[in-house]
Each structure stands twice: as C-alpha cells, then as structure tokens.
C-alpha cells in the first residue's frame, strides 16, 4: 500500500525504499536503518504551500540534542551537512509529506550537497514519534495563526542568514547575501542593486 492510497491521518513507514526520490525526481539512496516516513494530511487549502516549512521545523524541534539547522527550502542539516530531506506532494484531496532522515548511513555518491547521519544515536521509530508529537502542535498553530509563527521558527533555525550564497536556478546561477524568507516562503537574496525573491532553486552557502 502506498501513501497516496491512504486516507488523511495515516502515517506510512518503511524499513527501506527501492525507489526513493527527492526534489525534481532525483533518486535517493534508501538503505535499511534510516527513517522513511510519509504523512497523509488533508488538503489544507492556502496553508498547503507552507507544509514543507512546518515539517522542517518539526524535524529540527525533534532533535534538540543535536546541532541541527535548516537550508532553504526544506533540508535539515547536522553540523552543516544534509541530514534529512522533505518532499511535499499534492494529491486530489490530500497532501503527502515524505520525510527521509539519515539515521545510520548517508549517501555519498551523486549528491549535490555534503551529507551526514546520526551515526545510530537515535532509533528511526524514536525520531518518528518525536516528529509526530511536534506535528500536531505546529498544524494547530498554522491553522490558528497562519504562516507567520512557523516562518519565525524556521528563520531562527536557518543556517547562513546574512552570509553569501549561490542559488542554482533552472538555466542560470544567482549570487548574493541570504536575507531570509518572505511572508510566503520565497528565498530573499540581496544582489547588488535589489533583493530578489526566488521560489525554486538549489542553495549553496559560499
């Protein structure tokens, strides 16, 4: 059974994946021992576009004992290296949130960004339970107060604000100073004469 076939409120977990994928359909190595979970949410209307940010905050808040931070739009870093990724997909009447976290191993081939793992210091099920506990609180916060408090929490965990970065776009590259995210979640990149809003791209701190 796949997450798409499940009703809202379902949590699907796998010991390993044979067809894991990330943003833009990139393949993702998914060996046994890491966390692979999908959350099936109801359609959240206008708030659906903020689910990736909410999920990233939930993961960070689930790892208080580790030096974790966030990289736009939805990567969780440990000591500056990618620890977890998030993929949000809309279905007809629901939202599927995929979360992959490196618990005991991490991919080293064909990766755009350096990766790392928790080196087995936490069990996948333990992390999954922590994330779910955070999730309920954050969903309620999003419903009652909108994206603003989620955005503030995301920014407090973001890596590299005020530092130079490059953003690989579909057919070009943009460079500037990372100024945070907009009220709608767009990346704010201060270039020479103006601040640019970016909605799609791969970020690299310089």
N, C-alpha and C. Protein backbone atom coordinates (compact mmCIF):
# COMPACT_ATOMS: atom_id res chain seq x y z
N UNK A 1 0.85 -1.20 0.00
CA UNK A 1 0.00 0.00 0.00
C UNK A 1 0.88 1.25 0.00
N UNK A 2 0.52 2.23 -0.82
CA UNK A 2 1.26 3.48 -0.86
C UNK A 2 0.51 4.56 -0.09
N UNK A 3 1.24 5.62 0.24
CA UNK A 3 0.62 6.71 0.99
C UNK A 3 -0.53 7.34 0.22
N UNK A 4 -0.41 7.39 -1.10
CA UNK A 4 -1.47 8.00 -1.92
C UNK A 4 -2.80 7.27 -1.80
N UNK A 5 -2.75 5.99 -1.44
CA UNK A 5 -3.98 5.21 -1.32
C UNK A 5 -4.59 5.29 0.07
N UNK A 6 -3.92 6.01 0.98
CA UNK A 6 -4.37 6.06 2.38
C UNK A 6 -5.16 7.33 2.66
N UNK A 7 -6.05 7.27 3.63
CA UNK A 7 -6.83 8.46 4.00
C UNK A 7 -6.00 9.43 4.83
N UNK A 8 -6.40 10.70 4.90
CA UNK A 8 -5.72 11.66 5.77
C UNK A 8 -5.67 11.16 7.21
N UNK A 9 -4.55 11.44 7.86
CA UNK A 9 -4.34 10.97 9.22
C UNK A 9 -3.49 9.73 9.29
N UNK A 10 -3.14 9.17 8.12
CA UNK A 10 -2.33 7.96 8.08
C UNK A 10 -0.84 8.29 8.11
N UNK A 11 -0.07 7.46 8.78
CA UNK A 11 1.39 7.55 8.77
C UNK A 11 1.92 6.24 8.18
N UNK A 12 2.71 6.35 7.14
CA UNK A 12 3.29 5.17 6.49
C UNK A 12 4.79 5.18 6.72
N UNK A 13 5.33 4.06 7.20
CA UNK A 13 6.77 3.96 7.42
C UNK A 13 7.32 2.74 6.67
N UNK A 14 8.57 2.83 6.25
CA UNK A 14 9.23 1.73 5.55
C UNK A 14 10.60 1.51 6.16
N UNK A 15 11.05 0.27 6.19
CA UNK A 15 12.40 -0.04 6.67
C UNK A 15 13.43 0.38 5.66
N UNK A 16 13.08 0.30 4.37
CA UNK A 16 13.96 0.73 3.29
C UNK A 16 13.10 1.07 2.09
N UNK A 17 13.70 1.72 1.09
CA UNK A 17 12.99 2.07 -0.12
C UNK A 17 13.80 1.61 -1.33
N UNK A 18 13.09 1.17 -2.36
CA UNK A 18 13.77 0.76 -3.59
C UNK A 18 13.63 1.79 -4.69
N UNK A 19 12.77 2.79 -4.46
CA UNK A 19 12.58 3.84 -5.47
C UNK A 19 12.44 5.19 -4.80
N UNK A 20 13.30 5.46 -3.82
CA UNK A 20 13.25 6.73 -3.13
C UNK A 20 13.60 7.87 -4.06
N UNK A 21 12.96 9.01 -3.86
CA UNK A 21 13.27 10.16 -4.71
C UNK A 21 13.12 11.44 -3.92
N UNK A 22 13.80 12.46 -4.42
CA UNK A 22 13.76 13.75 -3.78
C UNK A 22 13.17 14.79 -4.71
N UNK A 23 13.57 16.05 -4.52
CA UNK A 23 13.07 17.12 -5.37
C UNK A 23 13.49 16.91 -6.81
N UNK A 24 12.62 17.36 -7.73
CA UNK A 24 12.86 17.27 -9.17
C UNK A 24 13.03 15.82 -9.63
N UNK A 25 12.50 14.86 -8.87
CA UNK A 25 12.58 13.47 -9.27
C UNK A 25 13.95 12.82 -9.10
N UNK A 26 14.84 13.48 -8.36
CA UNK A 26 16.17 12.89 -8.14
C UNK A 26 16.06 11.63 -7.30
N UNK A 27 16.88 10.64 -7.63
CA UNK A 27 16.87 9.41 -6.85
C UNK A 27 17.56 9.64 -5.52
N UNK A 28 17.19 8.84 -4.53
CA UNK A 28 17.75 8.97 -3.18
C UNK A 28 18.05 7.58 -2.66
N UNK A 29 19.28 7.37 -2.20
CA UNK A 29 19.66 6.08 -1.65
C UNK A 29 18.90 5.84 -0.35
N UNK A 30 18.28 4.68 -0.23
CA UNK A 30 17.39 4.42 0.90
C UNK A 30 17.64 3.06 1.53
N UNK A 31 18.82 2.83 2.09
CA UNK A 31 19.12 1.53 2.71
C UNK A 31 18.42 1.35 4.05
N UNK A 32 18.35 0.14 4.49
CA UNK A 32 17.71 -0.19 5.76
C UNK A 32 18.43 0.50 6.92
N UNK A 33 17.63 0.94 7.91
CA UNK A 33 18.20 1.54 9.11
C UNK A 33 17.98 3.02 9.25
N UNK A 34 17.56 3.68 8.16
CA UNK A 34 17.27 5.12 8.22
C UNK A 34 15.76 5.33 8.39
N UNK A 35 15.36 6.58 8.51
CA UNK A 35 13.95 6.90 8.68
C UNK A 35 13.33 7.24 7.33
N UNK A 36 12.27 6.52 6.98
CA UNK A 36 11.50 6.80 5.78
C UNK A 36 10.03 6.80 6.19
N UNK A 37 9.43 7.97 6.22
CA UNK A 37 8.03 8.05 6.64
C UNK A 37 7.26 9.03 5.75
N UNK A 38 5.98 8.74 5.58
CA UNK A 38 5.10 9.63 4.84
C UNK A 38 3.88 9.93 5.70
N UNK A 39 3.52 11.19 5.77
CA UNK A 39 2.34 11.62 6.49
C UNK A 39 1.27 12.01 5.47
N UNK A 40 0.07 11.52 5.68
CA UNK A 40 -1.04 11.86 4.79
C UNK A 40 -1.90 12.90 5.50
N UNK A 41 -1.90 14.11 4.97
CA UNK A 41 -2.65 15.22 5.56
C UNK A 41 -3.87 15.54 4.70
N UNK A 42 -4.88 16.12 5.28
CA UNK A 42 -5.99 16.62 4.47
C UNK A 42 -5.53 17.83 3.66
N UNK A 43 -6.28 18.18 2.64
CA UNK A 43 -5.97 19.39 1.89
C UNK A 43 -6.10 20.58 2.84
N UNK A 44 -5.02 21.35 2.97
CA UNK A 44 -5.00 22.48 3.90
C UNK A 44 -5.29 23.81 3.21
N UNK A 45 -5.76 23.74 1.98
CA UNK A 45 -6.09 24.97 1.27
C UNK A 45 -4.87 25.86 1.08
N UNK A 46 -5.01 27.14 1.39
CA UNK A 46 -3.92 28.11 1.18
C UNK A 46 -2.70 27.78 2.05
N UNK A 47 -2.89 27.04 3.14
CA UNK A 47 -1.76 26.70 4.02
C UNK A 47 -0.92 25.54 3.50
N UNK A 48 -1.37 24.88 2.45
CA UNK A 48 -0.62 23.74 1.92
C UNK A 48 0.78 24.15 1.50
N UNK A 49 0.94 25.35 0.97
CA UNK A 49 2.26 25.79 0.49
C UNK A 49 3.26 25.98 1.61
N UNK A 50 2.79 25.96 2.86
CA UNK A 50 3.69 26.15 4.00
C UNK A 50 4.05 24.83 4.69
N UNK A 51 3.51 23.73 4.19
CA UNK A 51 3.71 22.44 4.87
C UNK A 51 5.19 22.04 4.91
N UNK A 52 5.94 22.31 3.85
CA UNK A 52 7.36 21.93 3.84
C UNK A 52 8.11 22.66 4.95
N UNK A 53 7.83 23.94 5.15
CA UNK A 53 8.48 24.71 6.21
C UNK A 53 8.07 24.19 7.59
N UNK A 54 6.79 23.90 7.75
CA UNK A 54 6.29 23.36 9.01
C UNK A 54 6.98 22.02 9.32
N UNK A 55 7.11 21.18 8.31
CA UNK A 55 7.74 19.87 8.50
C UNK A 55 9.19 20.01 8.89
N UNK A 56 9.90 20.92 8.23
CA UNK A 56 11.31 21.15 8.56
C UNK A 56 11.46 21.59 10.01
N UNK A 57 10.57 22.47 10.46
CA UNK A 57 10.61 22.91 11.86
C UNK A 57 10.33 21.74 12.79
N UNK A 58 9.37 20.89 12.43
CA UNK A 58 9.05 19.73 13.26
C UNK A 58 10.26 18.81 13.42
N UNK A 59 11.01 18.61 12.35
CA UNK A 59 12.20 17.75 12.42
C UNK A 59 13.27 18.39 13.30
N UNK A 60 13.52 19.67 13.10
CA UNK A 60 14.52 20.36 13.92
C UNK A 60 14.14 20.32 15.40
N UNK A 61 12.88 20.59 15.69
CA UNK A 61 12.44 20.60 17.09
C UNK A 61 12.45 19.21 17.70
N UNK A 62 12.54 18.19 16.87
CA UNK A 62 12.60 16.81 17.35
C UNK A 62 14.02 16.37 17.68
N UNK A 63 14.99 17.22 17.38
CA UNK A 63 16.40 16.86 17.58
C UNK A 63 17.12 17.91 18.43
N UNK A 64 16.61 18.23 19.61
CA UNK A 64 17.20 19.31 20.40
C UNK A 64 18.62 19.03 20.88
N UNK A 65 19.00 17.75 20.94
CA UNK A 65 20.32 17.40 21.44
C UNK A 65 21.39 17.43 20.36
N UNK A 66 20.98 17.76 19.12
CA UNK A 66 21.93 17.78 18.01
C UNK A 66 22.06 19.20 17.44
N UNK A 67 23.19 19.47 16.81
CA UNK A 67 23.45 20.77 16.21
C UNK A 67 22.83 20.84 14.81
N UNK A 68 21.50 20.97 14.78
CA UNK A 68 20.79 20.96 13.52
C UNK A 68 20.38 22.36 13.10
N UNK A 69 20.25 22.55 11.80
CA UNK A 69 19.83 23.84 11.25
C UNK A 69 19.07 23.56 9.95
N UNK A 70 18.58 24.62 9.32
CA UNK A 70 17.77 24.46 8.12
C UNK A 70 18.40 25.17 6.93
N UNK A 71 18.24 24.55 5.76
CA UNK A 71 18.66 25.15 4.50
C UNK A 71 17.45 25.21 3.57
N UNK A 72 17.22 26.39 3.02
CA UNK A 72 16.04 26.58 2.16
C UNK A 72 16.08 25.64 0.96
N UNK A 73 14.92 25.08 0.57
CA UNK A 73 13.63 25.30 1.22
C UNK A 73 13.29 24.28 2.31
N UNK A 74 13.87 23.08 2.26
CA UNK A 74 13.38 22.06 3.19
C UNK A 74 14.42 20.99 3.55
N UNK A 75 15.68 21.39 3.62
CA UNK A 75 16.73 20.45 4.05
C UNK A 75 17.09 20.70 5.51
N UNK A 76 17.26 19.61 6.24
CA UNK A 76 17.71 19.69 7.63
C UNK A 76 19.19 19.32 7.66
N UNK A 77 20.00 20.18 8.26
CA UNK A 77 21.44 19.99 8.31
C UNK A 77 21.90 19.61 9.71
N UNK A 78 22.92 18.80 9.78
CA UNK A 78 23.59 18.49 11.04
C UNK A 78 25.05 18.90 10.87
N UNK A 79 25.51 19.84 11.70
CA UNK A 79 26.87 20.35 11.57
C UNK A 79 27.16 20.80 10.14
N UNK A 80 26.15 21.40 9.50
CA UNK A 80 26.32 21.95 8.16
C UNK A 80 26.18 20.98 7.02
N UNK A 81 25.92 19.71 7.30
CA UNK A 81 25.77 18.70 6.24
C UNK A 81 24.34 18.18 6.25
N UNK A 82 23.86 17.74 5.08
CA UNK A 82 22.46 17.33 4.96
C UNK A 82 22.19 16.06 5.75
N UNK A 83 21.22 16.16 6.66
CA UNK A 83 20.81 15.02 7.47
C UNK A 83 19.46 14.48 7.02
N UNK A 84 18.57 15.35 6.62
CA UNK A 84 17.22 14.93 6.27
C UNK A 84 16.65 15.81 5.16
N UNK A 85 15.75 15.22 4.39
CA UNK A 85 15.07 15.94 3.33
C UNK A 85 13.57 15.73 3.42
N UNK A 86 12.84 16.64 2.80
CA UNK A 86 11.38 16.63 2.87
C UNK A 86 10.82 16.83 1.47
N UNK A 87 9.81 16.05 1.13
CA UNK A 87 9.16 16.18 -0.17
C UNK A 87 7.65 16.26 0.06
N UNK A 88 7.04 17.33 -0.43
CA UNK A 88 5.59 17.52 -0.26
C UNK A 88 4.93 17.43 -1.63
N UNK A 89 3.89 16.59 -1.71
CA UNK A 89 3.17 16.41 -2.96
C UNK A 89 1.67 16.54 -2.70
N UNK A 90 0.98 17.20 -3.62
CA UNK A 90 -0.47 17.32 -3.53
C UNK A 90 -1.12 16.15 -4.26
N UNK A 91 -2.14 15.58 -3.67
CA UNK A 91 -3.00 14.63 -4.35
C UNK A 91 -4.36 15.31 -4.53
N UNK A 92 -5.34 14.57 -5.00
CA UNK A 92 -6.63 15.18 -5.31
C UNK A 92 -7.25 15.88 -4.10
N UNK A 93 -7.28 15.20 -2.98
CA UNK A 93 -7.94 15.76 -1.79
C UNK A 93 -7.07 15.65 -0.55
N UNK A 94 -5.77 15.53 -0.74
CA UNK A 94 -4.86 15.35 0.39
C UNK A 94 -3.47 15.84 0.04
N UNK A 95 -2.62 15.85 1.05
CA UNK A 95 -1.22 16.25 0.89
C UNK A 95 -0.35 15.14 1.45
N UNK A 96 0.63 14.71 0.67
CA UNK A 96 1.54 13.64 1.10
C UNK A 96 2.87 14.28 1.47
N UNK A 97 3.31 14.07 2.70
CA UNK A 97 4.57 14.64 3.18
C UNK A 97 5.56 13.50 3.41
N UNK A 98 6.60 13.46 2.61
CA UNK A 98 7.63 12.44 2.77
C UNK A 98 8.82 13.00 3.55
N UNK A 99 9.29 12.24 4.53
CA UNK A 99 10.44 12.66 5.34
C UNK A 99 11.47 11.54 5.32
N UNK A 100 12.66 11.87 4.93
CA UNK A 100 13.76 10.91 4.95
C UNK A 100 14.89 11.45 5.79
N UNK A 101 15.36 10.68 6.76
CA UNK A 101 16.45 11.12 7.63
C UNK A 101 17.52 10.04 7.72
N UNK A 102 18.77 10.46 7.66
CA UNK A 102 19.89 9.52 7.73
C UNK A 102 20.18 9.19 9.19
N UNK A 103 19.81 7.99 9.60
CA UNK A 103 20.00 7.58 10.98
C UNK A 103 21.32 6.85 11.18
N UNK A 104 21.58 5.87 10.32
CA UNK A 104 22.83 5.09 10.48
C UNK A 104 23.75 5.21 9.28
N UNK A 105 23.25 5.71 8.16
CA UNK A 105 24.10 5.83 6.97
C UNK A 105 23.63 7.01 6.14
N UNK A 106 24.48 7.46 5.23
CA UNK A 106 24.15 8.59 4.38
C UNK A 106 24.71 8.39 2.98
N UNK A 107 24.01 8.87 1.96
CA UNK A 107 24.51 8.73 0.59
C UNK A 107 25.77 9.56 0.38
N UNK A 108 26.66 9.02 -0.42
CA UNK A 108 27.91 9.73 -0.70
C UNK A 108 28.14 9.91 -2.20
N UNK A 109 27.35 9.25 -3.03
CA UNK A 109 27.51 9.35 -4.48
C UNK A 109 26.34 10.11 -5.09
N UNK A 110 26.66 10.90 -6.10
CA UNK A 110 25.63 11.66 -6.84
C UNK A 110 24.80 12.56 -5.93
N UNK A 111 25.47 13.21 -4.99
CA UNK A 111 24.76 14.15 -4.10
C UNK A 111 25.23 15.57 -4.42
N UNK A 112 24.29 16.52 -4.35
CA UNK A 112 24.63 17.91 -4.63
C UNK A 112 25.27 18.60 -3.43
N UNK A 113 25.00 18.07 -2.24
CA UNK A 113 25.40 18.73 -1.00
C UNK A 113 25.99 17.68 -0.07
N UNK A 114 27.03 18.02 0.72
CA UNK A 114 27.60 17.03 1.65
C UNK A 114 26.54 16.48 2.59
N UNK A 115 26.61 15.20 2.88
CA UNK A 115 25.61 14.55 3.73
C UNK A 115 26.25 13.97 4.98
N UNK A 116 25.40 13.65 5.95
CA UNK A 116 25.86 13.04 7.19
C UNK A 116 24.74 12.22 7.78
N UNK A 117 24.98 11.58 8.92
CA UNK A 117 23.94 10.79 9.59
C UNK A 117 24.05 10.98 11.10
N UNK A 118 23.08 10.43 11.81
CA UNK A 118 23.10 10.47 13.27
C UNK A 118 24.00 9.39 13.84
N UNK A 119 24.59 8.58 12.97
CA UNK A 119 25.50 7.51 13.38
C UNK A 119 24.86 6.59 14.42
N UNK A 120 23.57 6.35 14.24
CA UNK A 120 22.87 5.41 15.10
C UNK A 120 22.56 5.90 16.50
N UNK A 121 22.70 7.20 16.74
CA UNK A 121 22.48 7.72 18.09
C UNK A 121 20.99 7.87 18.44
N UNK A 122 20.14 7.55 17.48
CA UNK A 122 18.70 7.61 17.70
C UNK A 122 18.05 6.55 16.83
N UNK A 123 17.02 5.90 17.33
CA UNK A 123 16.30 4.91 16.54
C UNK A 123 15.33 5.60 15.59
N UNK A 124 15.10 5.04 14.39
CA UNK A 124 14.13 5.64 13.47
C UNK A 124 12.75 5.84 14.10
N UNK A 125 12.28 4.85 14.84
CA UNK A 125 10.95 4.95 15.44
C UNK A 125 10.90 6.06 16.50
N UNK A 126 12.00 6.22 17.23
CA UNK A 126 12.06 7.29 18.23
C UNK A 126 11.93 8.65 17.57
N UNK A 127 12.66 8.85 16.48
CA UNK A 127 12.58 10.13 15.77
C UNK A 127 11.19 10.32 15.18
N UNK A 128 10.62 9.26 14.63
CA UNK A 128 9.28 9.36 14.05
C UNK A 128 8.26 9.82 15.10
N UNK A 129 8.31 9.24 16.28
CA UNK A 129 7.38 9.62 17.35
C UNK A 129 7.58 11.07 17.76
N UNK A 130 8.84 11.49 17.83
CA UNK A 130 9.11 12.88 18.19
C UNK A 130 8.53 13.84 17.16
N UNK A 131 8.72 13.50 15.88
CA UNK A 131 8.22 14.36 14.81
C UNK A 131 6.70 14.47 14.87
N UNK A 132 6.04 13.36 15.08
CA UNK A 132 4.58 13.37 15.14
C UNK A 132 4.07 14.21 16.30
N UNK A 133 4.75 14.15 17.43
CA UNK A 133 4.35 14.98 18.57
C UNK A 133 4.47 16.46 18.23
N UNK A 134 5.53 16.83 17.56
CA UNK A 134 5.71 18.23 17.16
C UNK A 134 4.67 18.63 16.11
N UNK A 135 4.35 17.70 15.24
CA UNK A 135 3.50 18.00 14.10
C UNK A 135 2.11 18.48 14.51
N UNK A 136 1.51 17.79 15.46
CA UNK A 136 0.16 18.16 15.88
C UNK A 136 0.12 19.60 16.40
N UNK A 137 1.13 19.97 17.19
CA UNK A 137 1.19 21.33 17.74
C UNK A 137 1.37 22.36 16.63
N UNK A 138 2.24 22.06 15.68
CA UNK A 138 2.53 23.01 14.61
C UNK A 138 1.36 23.15 13.65
N UNK A 139 0.66 22.06 13.36
CA UNK A 139 -0.52 22.15 12.49
C UNK A 139 -1.60 23.02 13.12
N UNK A 140 -1.78 22.88 14.41
CA UNK A 140 -2.75 23.71 15.12
C UNK A 140 -2.34 25.17 15.08
N UNK A 141 -1.04 25.42 15.24
CA UNK A 141 -0.52 26.79 15.19
C UNK A 141 -0.73 27.38 13.81
N UNK A 142 -0.46 26.60 12.76
CA UNK A 142 -0.65 27.07 11.39
C UNK A 142 -2.11 27.39 11.12
N UNK A 143 -3.00 26.55 11.61
CA UNK A 143 -4.43 26.75 11.40
C UNK A 143 -4.94 28.01 12.10
N UNK A 144 -4.44 28.27 13.31
CA UNK A 144 -4.95 29.39 14.10
C UNK A 144 -4.28 30.71 13.76
N UNK A 145 -2.97 30.68 13.47
CA UNK A 145 -2.23 31.93 13.32
C UNK A 145 -1.53 32.09 11.97
N UNK A 146 -1.68 31.11 11.09
CA UNK A 146 -1.10 31.24 9.77
C UNK A 146 0.40 30.95 9.76
N UNK A 147 1.03 31.38 8.68
CA UNK A 147 2.44 31.04 8.45
C UNK A 147 3.40 31.86 9.31
N UNK A 148 2.97 33.01 9.79
CA UNK A 148 3.90 33.93 10.46
C UNK A 148 4.70 33.29 11.59
N UNK A 149 4.10 32.58 12.57
CA UNK A 149 4.91 31.97 13.63
C UNK A 149 5.76 30.80 13.15
N UNK A 150 5.28 30.09 12.13
CA UNK A 150 6.08 29.00 11.54
C UNK A 150 7.30 29.59 10.85
N UNK A 151 7.08 30.68 10.13
CA UNK A 151 8.19 31.37 9.45
C UNK A 151 9.23 31.84 10.47
N UNK A 152 8.77 32.41 11.58
CA UNK A 152 9.70 32.90 12.61
C UNK A 152 10.54 31.76 13.17
N UNK A 153 9.90 30.63 13.42
CA UNK A 153 10.63 29.48 13.95
C UNK A 153 11.61 28.95 12.91
N UNK A 154 11.19 28.91 11.64
CA UNK A 154 12.08 28.44 10.57
C UNK A 154 13.31 29.35 10.50
N UNK A 155 13.09 30.65 10.54
CA UNK A 155 14.21 31.60 10.44
C UNK A 155 15.17 31.46 11.62
N UNK A 156 14.64 31.15 12.79
CA UNK A 156 15.50 31.02 13.97
C UNK A 156 16.44 29.83 13.85
N UNK A 157 16.08 28.87 12.99
CA UNK A 157 16.91 27.67 12.81
C UNK A 157 17.67 27.69 11.49
N UNK A 158 17.47 28.73 10.68
CA UNK A 158 18.08 28.78 9.35
C UNK A 158 19.59 28.99 9.44
N UNK A 159 20.31 28.33 8.56
CA UNK A 159 21.76 28.47 8.50
C UNK A 159 22.14 29.52 7.46
N UNK A 160 23.03 30.42 7.82
CA UNK A 160 23.63 31.30 6.83
C UNK A 160 22.95 32.62 6.58
N UNK A 161 22.01 33.04 7.43
CA UNK A 161 21.38 34.35 7.20
C UNK A 161 22.44 35.45 7.35
N UNK A 162 22.48 36.33 6.38
CA UNK A 162 23.48 37.40 6.36
C UNK A 162 24.79 37.00 5.70
N UNK A 163 24.85 35.77 5.22
CA UNK A 163 26.08 35.27 4.58
C UNK A 163 25.89 35.13 3.08
N UNK A 164 26.98 35.14 2.31
CA UNK A 164 26.86 34.97 0.86
C UNK A 164 26.43 33.56 0.49
N UNK A 165 25.67 33.46 -0.58
CA UNK A 165 25.24 32.15 -1.08
C UNK A 165 25.05 32.22 -2.59
N UNK A 166 25.06 31.06 -3.20
CA UNK A 166 24.71 30.95 -4.61
C UNK A 166 23.47 30.08 -4.72
N UNK A 167 22.66 30.39 -5.70
CA UNK A 167 21.43 29.62 -5.95
C UNK A 167 21.46 29.14 -7.39
N UNK A 168 21.47 27.83 -7.57
CA UNK A 168 21.44 27.26 -8.91
C UNK A 168 19.99 27.23 -9.39
N UNK A 169 19.71 28.01 -10.41
CA UNK A 169 18.38 28.07 -10.99
C UNK A 169 18.29 27.14 -12.19
N UNK A 170 17.15 27.11 -12.84
CA UNK A 170 16.96 26.18 -13.95
C UNK A 170 17.99 26.38 -15.06
N UNK A 171 18.28 27.64 -15.39
CA UNK A 171 19.19 27.89 -16.51
C UNK A 171 20.25 28.95 -16.19
N UNK A 172 20.45 29.24 -14.91
CA UNK A 172 21.44 30.26 -14.54
C UNK A 172 21.81 30.09 -13.07
N UNK A 173 22.65 30.99 -12.59
CA UNK A 173 23.05 30.97 -11.18
C UNK A 173 22.95 32.38 -10.62
N UNK A 174 22.41 32.51 -9.43
CA UNK A 174 22.29 33.81 -8.77
C UNK A 174 23.17 33.80 -7.52
N UNK A 175 23.84 34.91 -7.27
CA UNK A 175 24.70 35.04 -6.09
C UNK A 175 24.33 36.30 -5.33
N UNK A 176 24.43 36.21 -4.01
CA UNK A 176 24.11 37.37 -3.20
C UNK A 176 24.18 37.02 -1.72
N UNK A 177 23.53 37.82 -0.91
CA UNK A 177 23.50 37.62 0.53
C UNK A 177 22.13 37.06 0.93
N UNK A 178 22.14 36.01 1.71
CA UNK A 178 20.91 35.38 2.17
C UNK A 178 20.25 36.28 3.21
N UNK A 179 19.05 36.78 2.90
CA UNK A 179 18.35 37.70 3.79
C UNK A 179 17.15 37.06 4.48
N UNK A 180 16.96 35.76 4.30
CA UNK A 180 15.84 35.09 4.96
C UNK A 180 14.80 34.65 3.96
N UNK A 181 13.54 34.55 4.41
CA UNK A 181 12.45 34.17 3.53
C UNK A 181 11.32 35.18 3.66
N UNK A 182 10.55 35.29 2.60
CA UNK A 182 9.45 36.26 2.56
C UNK A 182 8.26 35.75 3.35
N UNK A 183 7.21 36.54 3.39
CA UNK A 183 5.99 36.16 4.09
C UNK A 183 5.30 34.98 3.44
N UNK A 184 5.70 34.64 2.21
CA UNK A 184 5.12 33.48 1.53
C UNK A 184 6.12 32.34 1.37
N UNK A 185 7.33 32.50 1.95
CA UNK A 185 8.31 31.42 1.93
C UNK A 185 9.34 31.50 0.82
N UNK A 186 9.31 32.53 -0.01
CA UNK A 186 10.31 32.69 -1.06
C UNK A 186 11.67 33.04 -0.45
N UNK A 187 12.73 32.57 -1.06
CA UNK A 187 14.09 32.92 -0.63
C UNK A 187 14.36 34.38 -0.97
N UNK A 188 14.90 35.13 -0.02
CA UNK A 188 15.27 36.53 -0.25
C UNK A 188 16.78 36.60 -0.43
N UNK A 189 17.20 36.98 -1.63
CA UNK A 189 18.61 37.05 -1.97
C UNK A 189 18.96 38.49 -2.32
N UNK A 190 19.80 39.13 -1.50
CA UNK A 190 20.20 40.51 -1.77
C UNK A 190 21.33 40.53 -2.79
N UNK A 191 21.00 41.00 -3.97
CA UNK A 191 22.01 41.15 -5.02
C UNK A 191 22.53 42.60 -4.98
N UNK A 192 23.29 42.98 -5.95
CA UNK A 192 23.99 44.27 -5.89
C UNK A 192 23.04 45.44 -5.74
N UNK A 193 21.97 45.47 -6.50
CA UNK A 193 21.11 46.65 -6.51
C UNK A 193 19.70 46.40 -5.97
N UNK A 194 19.34 45.16 -5.69
CA UNK A 194 18.00 44.89 -5.20
C UNK A 194 17.96 43.53 -4.50
N UNK A 195 16.84 43.26 -3.84
CA UNK A 195 16.64 41.96 -3.20
C UNK A 195 15.70 41.14 -4.08
N UNK A 196 16.15 39.98 -4.42
CA UNK A 196 15.43 39.11 -5.35
C UNK A 196 14.67 38.02 -4.60
N UNK A 197 13.45 37.73 -5.03
CA UNK A 197 12.68 36.64 -4.47
C UNK A 197 12.80 35.42 -5.38
N UNK A 198 13.19 34.31 -4.78
CA UNK A 198 13.39 33.07 -5.54
C UNK A 198 12.46 31.99 -4.99
N UNK A 199 11.75 31.32 -5.86
CA UNK A 199 10.80 30.30 -5.42
C UNK A 199 11.26 28.87 -5.71
N UNK A 200 12.22 28.73 -6.64
CA UNK A 200 12.73 27.39 -6.96
C UNK A 200 14.22 27.48 -7.21
N UNK A 201 15.00 26.59 -6.60
CA UNK A 201 16.43 26.58 -6.83
C UNK A 201 17.15 25.73 -5.79
N UNK A 202 18.44 25.46 -6.06
CA UNK A 202 19.29 24.72 -5.13
C UNK A 202 20.28 25.70 -4.51
N UNK A 203 20.31 25.70 -3.18
CA UNK A 203 21.08 26.69 -2.42
C UNK A 203 22.42 26.13 -1.97
N UNK A 204 23.46 26.96 -2.10
CA UNK A 204 24.80 26.59 -1.63
C UNK A 204 25.41 27.79 -0.91
N UNK A 205 25.74 27.61 0.35
CA UNK A 205 26.40 28.68 1.08
C UNK A 205 27.84 28.79 0.61
N UNK A 206 28.33 30.02 0.47
CA UNK A 206 29.69 30.24 -0.05
C UNK A 206 30.66 30.42 1.11
